Amino acid sequence: MNNWRIEQDGKVYLKVIEFPVPEESGVGGESMWVRKVSGTDDKGTGVLDNNPAFCTAVSYGDTIQYAGGTKTTKPKYIGKVEVV
């Protein structure tokens, strides 16, 4: 069991780390909740489910790609998925 995965109303939410932030923000990276759309808890795509405090690369509702998670580590932000 980890503290970065929540199941609610049949949906899975993951805490994804290392969203990029401006250097002047003074923080190393931002963590945000993402609703999993496809893939696994460790690697896949999801929809950003909160408003960023520092990250300017994404906004609430954007589809993002994440990877690098394991049973003991949170997945990391890979990039924004452009929906056409």
N, C-alpha and C. Protein backbone atom coordinates (compact mmCIF):
# COMPACT_ATOMS: atom_id res chain seq x y z
N MET A 1 0.84 -1.19 0.00
CA MET A 1 0.00 0.00 0.00
C MET A 1 0.88 1.24 0.00
N ASN A 2 0.50 2.25 -0.79
CA ASN A 2 1.25 3.50 -0.80
C ASN A 2 0.30 4.67 -0.57
N ASN A 3 0.85 5.84 -0.40
CA ASN A 3 0.03 7.02 -0.14
C ASN A 3 -0.10 7.92 -1.37
N TRP A 4 0.18 7.39 -2.55
CA TRP A 4 0.05 8.21 -3.75
C TRP A 4 -0.90 7.58 -4.77
N ARG A 5 -1.76 6.70 -4.31
CA ARG A 5 -2.77 6.08 -5.17
C ARG A 5 -4.11 6.06 -4.43
N ILE A 6 -5.11 6.62 -5.06
CA ILE A 6 -6.45 6.65 -4.47
C ILE A 6 -7.44 6.11 -5.49
N GLU A 7 -8.33 5.24 -5.04
CA GLU A 7 -9.44 4.78 -5.87
C GLU A 7 -10.71 5.42 -5.33
N GLN A 8 -11.46 6.06 -6.24
CA GLN A 8 -12.69 6.74 -5.84
C GLN A 8 -13.68 6.71 -6.99
N ASP A 9 -14.88 6.22 -6.73
CA ASP A 9 -15.94 6.16 -7.74
C ASP A 9 -15.48 5.45 -9.01
N GLY A 10 -14.71 4.38 -8.86
CA GLY A 10 -14.25 3.61 -10.00
C GLY A 10 -13.09 4.22 -10.78
N LYS A 11 -12.55 5.32 -10.28
CA LYS A 11 -11.42 5.99 -10.95
C LYS A 11 -10.19 5.87 -10.07
N VAL A 12 -9.01 5.87 -10.72
CA VAL A 12 -7.74 5.80 -10.01
C VAL A 12 -7.03 7.14 -10.15
N TYR A 13 -6.61 7.69 -9.00
CA TYR A 13 -5.86 8.95 -8.96
C TYR A 13 -4.46 8.66 -8.44
N LEU A 14 -3.47 9.23 -9.11
CA LEU A 14 -2.07 9.03 -8.75
C LEU A 14 -1.40 10.36 -8.46
N LYS A 15 -0.53 10.39 -7.47
CA LYS A 15 0.28 11.57 -7.19
C LYS A 15 1.52 11.46 -8.07
N VAL A 16 1.63 12.35 -9.05
CA VAL A 16 2.75 12.35 -9.99
C VAL A 16 3.69 13.48 -9.59
N ILE A 17 4.99 13.20 -9.62
CA ILE A 17 6.00 14.16 -9.16
C ILE A 17 6.80 14.75 -10.32
N GLU A 18 7.59 15.74 -9.98
CA GLU A 18 8.57 16.37 -10.86
C GLU A 18 7.96 17.12 -12.05
N PHE A 19 6.80 17.76 -11.82
CA PHE A 19 6.32 18.70 -12.83
C PHE A 19 7.29 19.87 -12.81
N PRO A 20 7.67 20.39 -13.99
CA PRO A 20 8.67 21.46 -14.02
C PRO A 20 8.11 22.78 -13.48
N VAL A 21 8.95 23.51 -12.78
CA VAL A 21 8.57 24.81 -12.23
C VAL A 21 9.62 25.84 -12.61
N PRO A 22 9.24 27.12 -12.70
CA PRO A 22 10.22 28.16 -12.98
C PRO A 22 11.29 28.20 -11.88
N GLU A 23 12.52 28.43 -12.27
CA GLU A 23 13.63 28.44 -11.31
C GLU A 23 13.41 29.45 -10.19
N GLU A 24 12.81 30.58 -10.53
CA GLU A 24 12.60 31.63 -9.52
C GLU A 24 11.55 31.25 -8.48
N SER A 25 10.82 30.15 -8.68
CA SER A 25 9.82 29.73 -7.70
C SER A 25 10.47 29.24 -6.40
N GLY A 26 11.72 28.78 -6.50
CA GLY A 26 12.43 28.32 -5.32
C GLY A 26 12.09 26.90 -4.88
N VAL A 27 11.25 26.21 -5.65
CA VAL A 27 10.94 24.81 -5.33
C VAL A 27 11.56 23.92 -6.40
N GLY A 28 11.85 22.68 -6.02
CA GLY A 28 12.53 21.77 -6.93
C GLY A 28 11.65 21.12 -7.98
N GLY A 29 10.37 21.09 -7.76
CA GLY A 29 9.42 20.48 -8.68
C GLY A 29 8.09 20.38 -7.99
N GLU A 30 7.05 20.23 -8.76
CA GLU A 30 5.70 20.18 -8.18
C GLU A 30 5.12 18.78 -8.30
N SER A 31 4.33 18.39 -7.32
CA SER A 31 3.60 17.12 -7.33
C SER A 31 2.12 17.44 -7.49
N MET A 32 1.42 16.65 -8.32
CA MET A 32 0.00 16.89 -8.54
C MET A 32 -0.76 15.58 -8.73
N TRP A 33 -2.07 15.64 -8.45
CA TRP A 33 -2.92 14.49 -8.64
C TRP A 33 -3.34 14.38 -10.10
N VAL A 34 -3.26 13.14 -10.59
CA VAL A 34 -3.59 12.83 -11.98
C VAL A 34 -4.57 11.66 -11.99
N ARG A 35 -5.67 11.80 -12.74
CA ARG A 35 -6.62 10.69 -12.90
C ARG A 35 -6.12 9.82 -14.04
N LYS A 36 -5.83 8.56 -13.72
CA LYS A 36 -5.28 7.62 -14.70
C LYS A 36 -6.31 7.37 -15.81
N VAL A 37 -5.84 7.46 -17.06
CA VAL A 37 -6.69 7.20 -18.22
C VAL A 37 -6.30 5.89 -18.89
N SER A 38 -5.00 5.67 -19.05
CA SER A 38 -4.52 4.43 -19.66
C SER A 38 -3.16 4.07 -19.09
N GLY A 39 -2.81 2.80 -19.24
CA GLY A 39 -1.53 2.33 -18.73
C GLY A 39 -1.67 1.76 -17.33
N THR A 40 -0.56 1.78 -16.61
CA THR A 40 -0.51 1.23 -15.26
C THR A 40 -0.31 2.37 -14.26
N ASP A 41 -0.22 2.02 -13.00
CA ASP A 41 0.08 3.04 -11.99
C ASP A 41 1.51 3.58 -12.13
N ASP A 42 2.37 2.82 -12.77
CA ASP A 42 3.78 3.20 -12.91
C ASP A 42 4.10 3.95 -14.20
N LYS A 43 3.30 3.72 -15.26
CA LYS A 43 3.58 4.32 -16.57
C LYS A 43 2.28 4.40 -17.36
N GLY A 44 1.96 5.60 -17.85
CA GLY A 44 0.74 5.73 -18.63
C GLY A 44 0.40 7.18 -18.91
N THR A 45 -0.90 7.42 -19.15
CA THR A 45 -1.39 8.76 -19.36
C THR A 45 -2.53 9.04 -18.39
N GLY A 46 -2.72 10.31 -18.10
CA GLY A 46 -3.77 10.70 -17.19
C GLY A 46 -4.15 12.16 -17.38
N VAL A 47 -5.20 12.56 -16.68
CA VAL A 47 -5.70 13.93 -16.76
C VAL A 47 -5.38 14.63 -15.44
N LEU A 48 -4.77 15.80 -15.54
CA LEU A 48 -4.41 16.57 -14.36
C LEU A 48 -5.67 16.96 -13.61
N ASP A 49 -5.70 16.63 -12.31
CA ASP A 49 -6.92 16.82 -11.52
C ASP A 49 -6.78 17.90 -10.44
N ASN A 50 -5.80 18.75 -10.54
CA ASN A 50 -5.73 19.92 -9.68
C ASN A 50 -5.03 21.07 -10.40
N ASN A 51 -5.21 22.27 -9.88
CA ASN A 51 -4.57 23.44 -10.46
C ASN A 51 -3.13 23.53 -9.97
N PRO A 52 -2.19 23.73 -10.89
CA PRO A 52 -0.78 23.88 -10.48
C PRO A 52 -0.58 25.14 -9.64
N ALA A 53 0.29 25.04 -8.66
CA ALA A 53 0.66 26.20 -7.86
C ALA A 53 1.85 26.93 -8.50
N PHE A 54 2.77 26.17 -9.09
CA PHE A 54 3.99 26.75 -9.66
C PHE A 54 4.21 26.40 -11.12
N CYS A 55 3.86 25.20 -11.54
CA CYS A 55 4.13 24.72 -12.89
C CYS A 55 3.32 25.50 -13.91
N THR A 56 4.01 26.03 -14.93
CA THR A 56 3.33 26.78 -15.98
C THR A 56 3.19 25.97 -17.26
N ALA A 57 3.71 24.74 -17.28
CA ALA A 57 3.68 23.91 -18.48
C ALA A 57 2.34 23.21 -18.68
N VAL A 58 1.55 23.09 -17.61
CA VAL A 58 0.26 22.38 -17.69
C VAL A 58 -0.81 23.15 -16.91
N SER A 59 -2.06 22.78 -17.21
CA SER A 59 -3.22 23.37 -16.54
C SER A 59 -4.18 22.27 -16.15
N TYR A 60 -5.08 22.58 -15.23
CA TYR A 60 -6.13 21.64 -14.82
C TYR A 60 -6.82 21.07 -16.06
N GLY A 61 -6.98 19.75 -16.11
CA GLY A 61 -7.66 19.09 -17.21
C GLY A 61 -6.76 18.67 -18.36
N ASP A 62 -5.49 19.07 -18.36
CA ASP A 62 -4.57 18.66 -19.42
C ASP A 62 -4.28 17.16 -19.30
N THR A 63 -4.06 16.54 -20.44
CA THR A 63 -3.63 15.14 -20.47
C THR A 63 -2.11 15.12 -20.44
N ILE A 64 -1.57 14.29 -19.55
CA ILE A 64 -0.12 14.20 -19.40
C ILE A 64 0.33 12.74 -19.47
N GLN A 65 1.61 12.58 -19.71
CA GLN A 65 2.24 11.26 -19.69
C GLN A 65 3.12 11.19 -18.45
N TYR A 66 3.12 10.02 -17.80
CA TYR A 66 3.95 9.80 -16.62
C TYR A 66 4.64 8.44 -16.74
N ALA A 67 5.74 8.28 -16.03
CA ALA A 67 6.48 7.01 -16.06
C ALA A 67 7.45 6.98 -14.88
N GLY A 68 8.11 5.85 -14.71
CA GLY A 68 9.17 5.72 -13.72
C GLY A 68 8.71 5.35 -12.33
N GLY A 69 7.42 5.05 -12.17
CA GLY A 69 6.95 4.66 -10.85
C GLY A 69 7.26 3.20 -10.56
N THR A 70 7.31 2.88 -9.28
CA THR A 70 7.47 1.50 -8.84
C THR A 70 6.56 1.30 -7.64
N LYS A 71 6.62 0.14 -7.03
CA LYS A 71 5.81 -0.10 -5.84
C LYS A 71 6.24 0.79 -4.67
N THR A 72 7.46 1.34 -4.74
CA THR A 72 7.96 2.17 -3.64
C THR A 72 8.25 3.62 -4.04
N THR A 73 8.05 3.99 -5.30
CA THR A 73 8.30 5.36 -5.73
C THR A 73 7.17 5.88 -6.60
N LYS A 74 6.92 7.16 -6.49
CA LYS A 74 5.86 7.81 -7.28
C LYS A 74 6.30 7.93 -8.74
N PRO A 75 5.32 7.90 -9.67
CA PRO A 75 5.67 8.14 -11.08
C PRO A 75 6.03 9.61 -11.29
N LYS A 76 6.79 9.86 -12.35
CA LYS A 76 7.26 11.20 -12.68
C LYS A 76 6.58 11.73 -13.93
N TYR A 77 6.40 13.02 -13.97
CA TYR A 77 5.87 13.72 -15.14
C TYR A 77 6.85 13.57 -16.30
N ILE A 78 6.33 13.15 -17.45
CA ILE A 78 7.16 13.02 -18.66
C ILE A 78 6.88 14.16 -19.62
N GLY A 79 5.61 14.50 -19.81
CA GLY A 79 5.28 15.59 -20.71
C GLY A 79 3.78 15.70 -20.92
N LYS A 80 3.40 16.80 -21.54
CA LYS A 80 2.01 17.05 -21.85
C LYS A 80 1.67 16.36 -23.15
N VAL A 81 0.50 15.76 -23.21
CA VAL A 81 0.03 15.08 -24.41
C VAL A 81 -0.88 16.04 -25.15
N GLU A 82 -0.53 16.36 -26.37
CA GLU A 82 -1.36 17.26 -27.19
C GLU A 82 -2.52 16.45 -27.77
N VAL A 83 -3.72 16.82 -27.39
CA VAL A 83 -4.93 16.13 -27.86
C VAL A 83 -5.41 16.82 -29.12
N VAL A 84 -5.58 16.03 -30.18
CA VAL A 84 -6.04 16.59 -31.46
C VAL A 84 -7.47 16.22 -31.77
